[in-house]
PDB file of N, CA and C in Angstrom:
ATOM      1  N   MET A   1     -74.371  59.900 169.603  1.00  0.00           N
ATOM      2  CA  MET A   1     -75.190  58.744 169.854  1.00  0.00           C
ATOM      3  C   MET A   1     -74.313  57.506 169.744  1.00  0.00           C
ATOM      4  N   PHE A   2     -74.469  56.604 170.690  1.00  0.00           N
ATOM      5  CA  PHE A   2     -73.684  55.376 170.709  1.00  0.00           C
ATOM      6  C   PHE A   2     -74.602  54.160 170.711  1.00  0.00           C
ATOM      7  N   LEU A   3     -74.095  53.086 170.166  1.00  0.00           N
ATOM      8  CA  LEU A   3     -74.768  51.789 170.182  1.00  0.00           C
ATOM      9  C   LEU A   3     -73.952  50.880 171.078  1.00  0.00           C
ATOM     10  N   GLY A   4     -74.591  50.237 172.035  1.00  0.00           N
ATOM     11  CA  GLY A   4     -73.906  49.290 172.913  1.00  0.00           C
ATOM     12  C   GLY A   4     -73.901  47.907 172.293  1.00  0.00           C
ATOM     13  N   TRP A   5     -72.760  47.214 172.382  1.00  0.00           N
ATOM     14  CA  TRP A   5     -72.625  45.877 171.812  1.00  0.00           C
ATOM     15  C   TRP A   5     -71.900  45.002 172.828  1.00  0.00           C
ATOM     16  N   TYR A   6     -72.540  43.901 173.209  1.00  0.00           N
ATOM     17  CA  TYR A   6     -71.960  42.981 174.186  1.00  0.00           C
ATOM     18  C   TYR A   6     -71.876  41.597 173.570  1.00  0.00           C
ATOM     19  N   ASP A   7     -70.702  41.001 173.605  1.00  0.00           N
ATOM     20  CA  ASP A   7     -70.495  39.656 173.068  1.00  0.00           C
ATOM     21  C   ASP A   7     -69.488  38.942 173.957  1.00  0.00           C
ATOM     22  N   PRO A   8     -69.966  38.076 174.889  1.00  0.00           N
ATOM     23  CA  PRO A   8     -69.062  37.431 175.841  1.00  0.00           C
ATOM     24  C   PRO A   8     -68.365  36.170 175.317  1.00  0.00           C
ATOM     25  N   ASP A   9     -68.506  35.857 174.031  1.00  0.00           N
ATOM     26  CA  ASP A   9     -67.886  34.656 173.469  1.00  0.00           C
ATOM     27  C   ASP A   9     -66.360  34.780 173.519  1.00  0.00           C
ATOM     28  N   LYS A  10     -65.727  33.980 174.354  1.00  0.00           N
ATOM     29  CA  LYS A  10     -64.279  34.054 174.557  1.00  0.00           C
ATOM     30  C   LYS A  10     -63.491  33.475 173.379  1.00  0.00           C
ATOM     31  N   LYS A  11     -64.146  32.710 172.524  1.00  0.00           N
ATOM     32  CA  LYS A  11     -63.464  32.082 171.400  1.00  0.00           C
ATOM     33  C   LYS A  11     -63.326  33.012 170.196  1.00  0.00           C
ATOM     34  N   ARG A  12     -64.108  34.067 170.169  1.00  0.00           N
ATOM     35  CA  ARG A  12     -64.079  34.995 169.039  1.00  0.00           C
ATOM     36  C   ARG A  12     -63.203  36.191 169.366  1.00  0.00           C
ATOM     37  N   PRO A  13     -62.354  36.599 168.440  1.00  0.00           N
ATOM     38  CA  PRO A  13     -61.492  37.759 168.702  1.00  0.00           C
ATOM     39  C   PRO A  13     -62.284  39.065 168.743  1.00  0.00           C
ATOM     40  N   ALA A  14     -61.733  40.023 169.466  1.00  0.00           N
ATOM     41  CA  ALA A  14     -62.386  41.331 169.616  1.00  0.00           C
ATOM     42  C   ALA A  14     -62.588  42.005 168.266  1.00  0.00           C
ATOM     43  N   ARG A  15     -61.682  41.787 167.351  1.00  0.00           N
ATOM     44  CA  ARG A  15     -61.775  42.410 166.023  1.00  0.00           C
ATOM     45  C   ARG A  15     -63.063  42.004 165.302  1.00  0.00           C
ATOM     46  N   LEU A  16     -63.415  40.703 165.359  1.00  0.00           N
ATOM     47  CA  LEU A  16     -64.646  40.247 164.718  1.00  0.00           C
ATOM     48  C   LEU A  16     -65.886  40.812 165.406  1.00  0.00           C
ATOM     49  N   LYS A  17     -65.825  40.877 166.725  1.00  0.00           N
ATOM     50  CA  LYS A  17     -66.945  41.438 167.479  1.00  0.00           C
ATOM     51  C   LYS A  17     -67.165  42.899 167.100  1.00  0.00           C
ATOM     52  N   LEU A  18     -66.061  43.635 166.998  1.00  0.00           N
ATOM     53  CA  LEU A  18     -66.158  45.048 166.644  1.00  0.00           C
ATOM     54  C   LEU A  18     -66.670  45.229 165.217  1.00  0.00           C
ATOM     55  N   LEU A  19     -66.232  44.384 164.301  1.00  0.00           N
ATOM     56  CA  LEU A  19     -66.729  44.464 162.920  1.00  0.00           C
ATOM     57  C   LEU A  19     -68.241  44.261 162.860  1.00  0.00           C
ATOM     58  N   GLU A  20     -68.752  43.307 163.646  1.00  0.00           N
ATOM     59  CA  GLU A  20     -70.200  43.081 163.696  1.00  0.00           C
ATOM     60  C   GLU A  20     -70.921  44.292 164.280  1.00  0.00           C
ATOM     61  N   ALA A  21     -70.343  44.877 165.322  1.00  0.00           N
ATOM     62  CA  ALA A  21     -70.957  46.048 165.946  1.00  0.00           C
ATOM     63  C   ALA A  21     -71.008  47.219 164.967  1.00  0.00           C
ATOM     64  N   VAL A  22     -69.932  47.425 164.218  1.00  0.00           N
ATOM     65  CA  VAL A  22     -69.892  48.510 163.231  1.00  0.00           C
ATOM     66  C   VAL A  22     -70.916  48.263 162.131  1.00  0.00           C
ATOM     67  N   GLU A  23     -71.029  47.022 161.696  1.00  0.00           N
ATOM     68  CA  GLU A  23     -72.020  46.679 160.668  1.00  0.00           C
ATOM     69  C   GLU A  23     -73.430  46.994 161.146  1.00  0.00           C
ATOM     70  N   ARG A  24     -73.736  46.634 162.375  1.00  0.00           N
ATOM     71  CA  ARG A  24     -75.072  46.900 162.932  1.00  0.00           C
ATOM     72  C   ARG A  24     -75.321  48.392 163.088  1.00  0.00           C
ATOM     73  N   TYR A  25     -74.307  49.133 163.548  1.00  0.00           N
ATOM     74  CA  TYR A  25     -74.444  50.586 163.709  1.00  0.00           C
ATOM     75  C   TYR A  25     -74.744  51.235 162.359  1.00  0.00           C
ATOM     76  N   THR A  26     -73.993  50.840 161.343  1.00  0.00           N
ATOM     77  CA  THR A  26     -74.180  51.406 160.006  1.00  0.00           C
ATOM     78  C   THR A  26     -75.565  51.067 159.466  1.00  0.00           C
ATOM     79  N   GLU A  27     -76.009  49.846 159.693  1.00  0.00           N
ATOM     80  CA  GLU A  27     -77.345  49.421 159.255  1.00  0.00           C
ATOM     81  C   GLU A  27     -78.436  50.225 159.958  1.00  0.00           C
ATOM     82  N   LYS A  28     -78.266  50.447 161.242  1.00  0.00           N
ATOM     83  CA  LYS A  28     -79.293  51.129 162.034  1.00  0.00           C
ATOM     84  C   LYS A  28     -79.334  52.636 161.810  1.00  0.00           C
ATOM     85  N   PHE A  29     -78.164  53.280 161.743  1.00  0.00           N
ATOM     86  CA  PHE A  29     -78.117  54.736 161.679  1.00  0.00           C
ATOM     87  C   PHE A  29     -77.773  55.294 160.300  1.00  0.00           C
ATOM     88  N   GLY A  30     -77.334  54.446 159.385  1.00  0.00           N
ATOM     89  CA  GLY A  30     -77.071  54.895 158.028  1.00  0.00           C
ATOM     90  C   GLY A  30     -75.758  55.633 157.834  1.00  0.00           C
ATOM     91  N   LEU A  31     -74.875  55.573 158.811  1.00  0.00           N
ATOM     92  CA  LEU A  31     -73.554  56.181 158.666  1.00  0.00           C
ATOM     93  C   LEU A  31     -72.548  55.407 159.494  1.00  0.00           C
ATOM     94  N   ALA A  32     -71.279  55.599 159.188  1.00  0.00           N
ATOM     95  CA  ALA A  32     -70.217  54.865 159.880  1.00  0.00           C
ATOM     96  C   ALA A  32     -69.906  55.523 161.221  1.00  0.00           C
ATOM     97  N   PRO A  33     -69.595  54.717 162.241  1.00  0.00           N
ATOM     98  CA  PRO A  33     -69.209  55.286 163.537  1.00  0.00           C
ATOM     99  C   PRO A  33     -67.826  55.907 163.470  1.00  0.00           C
ATOM    100  N   GLU A  34     -67.568  56.815 164.396  1.00  0.00           N
ATOM    101  CA  GLU A  34     -66.276  57.492 164.477  1.00  0.00           C
ATOM    102  C   GLU A  34     -65.437  57.008 165.654  1.00  0.00           C
ATOM    103  N   THR A  35     -66.111  56.528 166.714  1.00  0.00           N
ATOM    104  CA  THR A  35     -65.447  56.221 167.973  1.00  0.00           C
ATOM    105  C   THR A  35     -65.903  54.875 168.508  1.00  0.00           C
ATOM    106  N   CYS A  36     -64.993  54.173 169.160  1.00  0.00           N
ATOM    107  CA  CYS A  36     -65.324  52.949 169.877  1.00  0.00           C
ATOM    108  C   CYS A  36     -64.773  53.072 171.289  1.00  0.00           C
ATOM    109  N   LEU A  37     -65.647  52.964 172.267  1.00  0.00           N
ATOM    110  CA  LEU A  37     -65.242  52.920 173.676  1.00  0.00           C
ATOM    111  C   LEU A  37     -65.342  51.476 174.131  1.00  0.00           C
ATOM    112  N   THR A  38     -64.291  50.960 174.728  1.00  0.00           N
ATOM    113  CA  THR A  38     -64.274  49.582 175.192  1.00  0.00           C
ATOM    114  C   THR A  38     -63.351  49.472 176.394  1.00  0.00           C
ATOM    115  N   SER A  39     -63.251  48.275 176.945  1.00  0.00           N
ATOM    116  CA  SER A  39     -62.378  48.080 178.107  1.00  0.00           C
ATOM    117  C   SER A  39     -60.921  48.179 177.678  1.00  0.00           C
ATOM    118  N   PRO A  40     -60.043  48.504 178.613  1.00  0.00           N
ATOM    119  CA  PRO A  40     -58.615  48.586 178.265  1.00  0.00           C
ATOM    120  C   PRO A  40     -58.065  47.281 177.686  1.00  0.00           C
ATOM    121  N   SER A  41     -58.519  46.129 178.191  1.00  0.00           N
ATOM    122  CA  SER A  41     -58.011  44.854 177.675  1.00  0.00           C
ATOM    123  C   SER A  41     -58.467  44.616 176.234  1.00  0.00           C
ATOM    124  N   GLU A  42     -59.696  44.987 175.907  1.00  0.00           N
ATOM    125  CA  GLU A  42     -60.172  44.853 174.525  1.00  0.00           C
ATOM    126  C   GLU A  42     -59.440  45.829 173.615  1.00  0.00           C
ATOM    127  N   ALA A  43     -59.204  47.048 174.089  1.00  0.00           N
ATOM    128  CA  ALA A  43     -58.488  48.044 173.281  1.00  0.00           C
ATOM    129  C   ALA A  43     -57.068  47.570 172.993  1.00  0.00           C
ATOM    130  N   GLU A  44     -56.430  46.942 173.973  1.00  0.00           N
ATOM    131  CA  GLU A  44     -55.078  46.421 173.774  1.00  0.00           C
ATOM    132  C   GLU A  44     -55.082  45.282 172.758  1.00  0.00           C
ATOM    133  N   GLU A  45     -56.058  44.391 172.869  1.00  0.00           N
ATOM    134  CA  GLU A  45     -56.166  43.292 171.902  1.00  0.00           C
ATOM    135  C   GLU A  45     -56.371  43.833 170.490  1.00  0.00           C
ATOM    136  N   LEU A  46     -57.208  44.843 170.346  1.00  0.00           N
ATOM    137  CA  LEU A  46     -57.447  45.438 169.028  1.00  0.00           C
ATOM    138  C   LEU A  46     -56.193  46.121 168.487  1.00  0.00           C
ATOM    139  N   ALA A  47     -55.421  46.748 169.351  1.00  0.00           N
ATOM    140  CA  ALA A  47     -54.188  47.420 168.924  1.00  0.00           C
ATOM    141  C   ALA A  47     -53.138  46.412 168.471  1.00  0.00           C
ATOM    142  N   ASN A  48     -53.129  45.229 169.092  1.00  0.00           N
ATOM    143  CA  ASN A  48     -52.140  44.199 168.762  1.00  0.00           C
ATOM    144  C   ASN A  48     -52.607  43.257 167.660  1.00  0.00           C
ATOM    145  N   ALA A  49     -53.788  43.496 167.098  1.00  0.00           N
ATOM    146  CA  ALA A  49     -54.358  42.596 166.096  1.00  0.00           C
ATOM    147  C   ALA A  49     -53.774  42.807 164.707  1.00  0.00           C
ATOM    148  N   GLY A  50     -52.838  43.723 164.567  1.00  0.00           N
ATOM    149  CA  GLY A  50     -52.263  43.976 163.250  1.00  0.00           C
ATOM    150  C   GLY A  50     -52.918  45.169 162.606  1.00  0.00           C
ATOM    151  N   PRO A  51     -52.830  45.277 161.277  1.00  0.00           N
ATOM    152  CA  PRO A  51     -53.410  46.431 160.583  1.00  0.00           C
ATOM    153  C   PRO A  51     -54.911  46.524 160.857  1.00  0.00           C
ATOM    154  N   PRO A  52     -55.377  47.691 161.223  1.00  0.00           N
ATOM    155  CA  PRO A  52     -56.805  47.818 161.541  1.00  0.00           C
ATOM    156  C   PRO A  52     -57.686  47.691 160.298  1.00  0.00           C
ATOM    157  N   ALA A  53     -58.712  46.883 160.425  1.00  0.00           N
ATOM    158  CA  ALA A  53     -59.671  46.735 159.334  1.00  0.00           C
ATOM    159  C   ALA A  53     -60.609  47.936 159.300  1.00  0.00           C
ATOM    160  N   LEU A  54     -60.605  48.700 160.385  1.00  0.00           N
ATOM    161  CA  LEU A  54     -61.520  49.832 160.504  1.00  0.00           C
ATOM    162  C   LEU A  54     -60.729  51.126 160.604  1.00  0.00           C
ATOM    163  N   ALA A  55     -60.045  51.463 159.547  1.00  0.00           N
ATOM    164  CA  ALA A  55     -59.249  52.692 159.538  1.00  0.00           C
ATOM    165  C   ALA A  55     -60.153  53.885 159.797  1.00  0.00           C
ATOM    166  N   GLY A  56     -59.674  54.790 160.599  1.00  0.00           N
ATOM    167  CA  GLY A  56     -60.445  55.985 160.907  1.00  0.00           C
ATOM    168  C   GLY A  56     -61.314  55.856 162.148  1.00  0.00           C
ATOM    169  N   LEU A  57     -61.426  54.659 162.708  1.00  0.00           N
ATOM    170  CA  LEU A  57     -62.213  54.459 163.923  1.00  0.00           C
ATOM    171  C   LEU A  57     -61.307  54.693 165.123  1.00  0.00           C
ATOM    172  N   ASP A  58     -61.664  55.662 165.940  1.00  0.00           N
ATOM    173  CA  ASP A  58     -60.899  55.997 167.143  1.00  0.00           C
ATOM    174  C   ASP A  58     -61.281  55.006 168.236  1.00  0.00           C
ATOM    175  N   ILE A  59     -60.356  54.117 168.622  1.00  0.00           N
ATOM    176  CA  ILE A  59     -60.624  53.103 169.644  1.00  0.00           C
ATOM    177  C   ILE A  59     -60.003  53.565 170.949  1.00  0.00           C
ATOM    178  N   ARG A  60     -60.848  53.699 171.985  1.00  0.00           N
ATOM    179  CA  ARG A  60     -60.399  54.175 173.296  1.00  0.00           C
ATOM    180  C   ARG A  60     -60.708  53.135 174.366  1.00  0.00           C
ATOM    181  N   GLY A  61     -59.703  52.774 175.128  1.00  0.00           N
ATOM    182  CA  GLY A  61     -59.900  51.892 176.269  1.00  0.00           C
ATOM    183  C   GLY A  61     -60.183  52.724 177.508  1.00  0.00           C
ATOM    184  N   VAL A  62     -61.320  52.487 178.126  1.00  0.00           N
ATOM    185  CA  VAL A  62     -61.698  53.237 179.328  1.00  0.00           C
ATOM    186  C   VAL A  62     -62.059  52.264 180.449  1.00  0.00           C
ATOM    187  N   SER A  63     -61.709  52.624 181.663  1.00  0.00           N
ATOM    188  CA  SER A  63     -61.843  51.704 182.791  1.00  0.00           C
ATOM    189  C   SER A  63     -63.287  51.431 183.217  1.00  0.00           C
ATOM    190  N   TYR A  64     -64.213  52.274 182.860  1.00  0.00           N
ATOM    191  CA  TYR A  64     -65.597  52.092 183.329  1.00  0.00           C
ATOM    192  C   TYR A  64     -66.444  51.208 182.407  1.00  0.00           C
ATOM    193  N   ILE A  65     -65.868  50.692 181.329  1.00  0.00           N
ATOM    194  CA  ILE A  65     -66.607  49.793 180.441  1.00  0.00           C
ATOM    195  C   ILE A  65     -66.103  48.376 180.680  1.00  0.00           C
ATOM    196  N   PRO A  66     -67.011  47.418 180.952  1.00  0.00           N
ATOM    197  CA  PRO A  66     -66.580  46.048 181.238  1.00  0.00           C
ATOM    198  C   PRO A  66     -66.068  45.321 179.990  1.00  0.00           C
ATOM    199  N   ARG A  67     -65.331  44.273 180.228  1.00  0.00           N
ATOM    200  CA  ARG A  67     -64.788  43.470 179.133  1.00  0.00           C
ATOM    201  C   ARG A  67     -65.912  42.902 178.277  1.00  0.00           C
ATOM    202  N   TYR A  68     -65.628  42.669 177.014  1.00  0.00           N
ATOM    203  CA  TYR A  68     -66.550  42.125 176.008  1.00  0.00           C
ATOM    204  C   TYR A  68     -67.649  43.120 175.620  1.00  0.00           C
ATOM    205  N   THR A  69     -67.494  44.380 175.967  1.00  0.00           N
ATOM    206  CA  THR A  69     -68.495  45.398 175.674  1.00  0.00           C
ATOM    207  C   THR A  69     -67.870  46.481 174.812  1.00  0.00           C
ATOM    208  N   PHE A  70     -68.639  46.923 173.812  1.00  0.00           N
ATOM    209  CA  PHE A  70     -68.200  47.973 172.904  1.00  0.00           C
ATOM    210  C   PHE A  70     -69.321  49.006 172.788  1.00  0.00           C
ATOM    211  N   TYR A  71     -68.968  50.257 172.909  1.00  0.00           N
ATOM    212  CA  TYR A  71     -69.896  51.347 172.615  1.00  0.00           C
ATOM    213  C   TYR A  71     -69.335  52.047 171.390  1.00  0.00           C
ATOM    214  N   ILE A  72     -70.094  52.006 170.304  1.00  0.00           N
ATOM    215  CA  ILE A  72     -69.619  52.622 169.076  1.00  0.00           C
ATOM    216  C   ILE A  72     -70.576  53.713 168.650  1.00  0.00           C
ATOM    217  N   GLY A  73     -70.020  54.757 168.061  1.00  0.00           N
ATOM    218  CA  GLY A  73     -70.843  55.867 167.614  1.00  0.00           C
ATOM    219  C   GLY A  73     -70.018  57.095 167.335  1.00  0.00           C
ATOM    220  N   ALA A  74     -70.596  58.227 167.663  1.00  0.00           N
ATOM    221  CA  ALA A  74     -69.938  59.514 167.434  1.00  0.00           C
ATOM    222  C   ALA A  74     -70.157  60.396 168.652  1.00  0.00           C
ATOM    223  N   ASP A  75     -69.105  61.096 169.044  1.00  0.00           N
ATOM    224  CA  ASP A  75     -69.232  62.052 170.144  1.00  0.00           C
ATOM    225  C   ASP A  75     -70.153  63.173 169.696  1.00  0.00           C
ATOM    226  N   ASP A  76     -71.098  63.525 170.545  1.00  0.00           N
ATOM    227  CA  ASP A  76     -72.011  64.621 170.215  1.00  0.00           C
ATOM    228  C   ASP A  76     -71.282  65.944 170.338  1.00  0.00           C
ATOM    229  N   PRO A  77     -71.427  66.818 169.349  1.00  0.00           N
ATOM    230  CA  PRO A  77     -70.807  68.135 169.479  1.00  0.00           C
ATOM    231  C   PRO A  77     -71.530  68.935 170.557  1.00  0.00           C
ATOM    232  N   PRO A  78     -70.864  69.858 171.211  1.00  0.00           N
ATOM    233  CA  PRO A  78     -71.535  70.669 172.226  1.00  0.00           C
ATOM    234  C   PRO A  78     -72.674  71.469 171.597  1.00  0.00           C
ATOM    235  N   SER A  79     -73.775  71.556 172.309  1.00  0.00           N
ATOM    236  CA  SER A  79     -74.944  72.266 171.770  1.00  0.00           C
ATOM    237  C   SER A  79     -74.743  73.792 171.854  1.00  0.00           C
ATOM    238  N   GLU A  80     -73.886  74.245 172.768  1.00  0.00           N
ATOM    239  CA  GLU A  80     -73.596  75.676 172.900  1.00  0.00           C
ATOM    240  C   GLU A  80     -72.092  75.872 172.842  1.00  0.00           C
ATOM    241  N   PRO A  81     -71.664  77.013 172.390  1.00  0.00           N
ATOM    242  CA  PRO A  81     -70.225  77.284 172.439  1.00  0.00           C
ATOM    243  C   PRO A  81     -69.726  77.287 173.885  1.00  0.00           C
ATOM    244  N   LEU A  82     -68.571  76.731 174.100  1.00  0.00           N
ATOM    245  CA  LEU A  82     -68.008  76.715 175.446  1.00  0.00           C
ATOM    246  C   LEU A  82     -67.451  78.083 175.796  1.00  0.00           C
ATOM    247  N   ALA A  83     -67.714  78.494 177.012  1.00  0.00           N
ATOM    248  CA  ALA A  83     -67.188  79.791 177.462  1.00  0.00           C
ATOM    249  C   ALA A  83     -65.709  79.673 177.743  1.00  0.00           C
ATOM    250  N   LEU A  84     -64.962  80.666 177.354  1.00  0.00           N
ATOM    251  CA  LEU A  84     -63.530  80.667 177.614  1.00  0.00           C
ATOM    252  C   LEU A  84     -63.277  81.003 179.075  1.00  0.00           C
ATOM    253  N   ALA A  85     -62.338  80.305 179.668  1.00  0.00           N
ATOM    254  CA  ALA A  85     -61.990  80.583 181.059  1.00  0.00           C
ATOM    255  C   ALA A  85     -61.242  81.921 181.143  1.00  0.00           C
ATOM    256  N   ALA A  86     -61.613  82.700 182.094  1.00  0.00           N
ATOM    257  CA  ALA A  86     -60.984  84.027 182.235  1.00  0.00           C
ATOM    258  C   ALA A  86     -59.763  83.968 183.102  1.00  0.00           C
TER     259      ALA A  86
END
């Protein structure tokens, strides 16, 4: 399950936006997120921001997510075992 977070404020760094999104996710679902999907430019900014304030959060830049948008949550485990390719 993922929570979508959009913040187009150009004056605020991506790190602060992500911290707010994580806070809201934790408040809503009662647990910490594992993954953040965001645009490649936001992922690069977060990587260059210095030591991560959110250790353990897997940040992935993907081309299909627009700038200023963060999807945070946890990847759902497969509901059935995957069949092995023969």
